[in-house]
């Protein structure tokens, strides 16, 4: 079965835009929407949940920030190989990530649209399944 894609986004409008882009792209993977870093760790710790093939991560989350989440994932042997596409408020946010020494597989500047999601799918080497 196809592995899910985790969407970690606390903005309802952005989450709906990603869902719509997935539908338009024909991504067959289930999109699991979580709203904060704590939910991500609960999801990943639950052995009955399938390991995601990728994570779309808003960097500016309430509670556990996206940067904290990335740091914890990179420190964990089991999680560091999951590709993470970081959702940024602006292109300048990439410098903030580099300053804090956190890496992502790809970046998308919000608002999310069809074209930059396609570019990220390509950047991930098409790990997602397109129908």
Foldseek 3Di string as FASTA:
>chain_A
DFFAEEEAAQDPVLVVQVVVLCVVQQFPHHYHYHHDLVVVVVQVVPPVHGDHQAYEAEQCGPDCGSLNSQVVQCVDPVRNPRAYEYEACDPCVVVVSVVVPGDGLYYHYDPDHNVVVVVVCVSSVVSTDHD
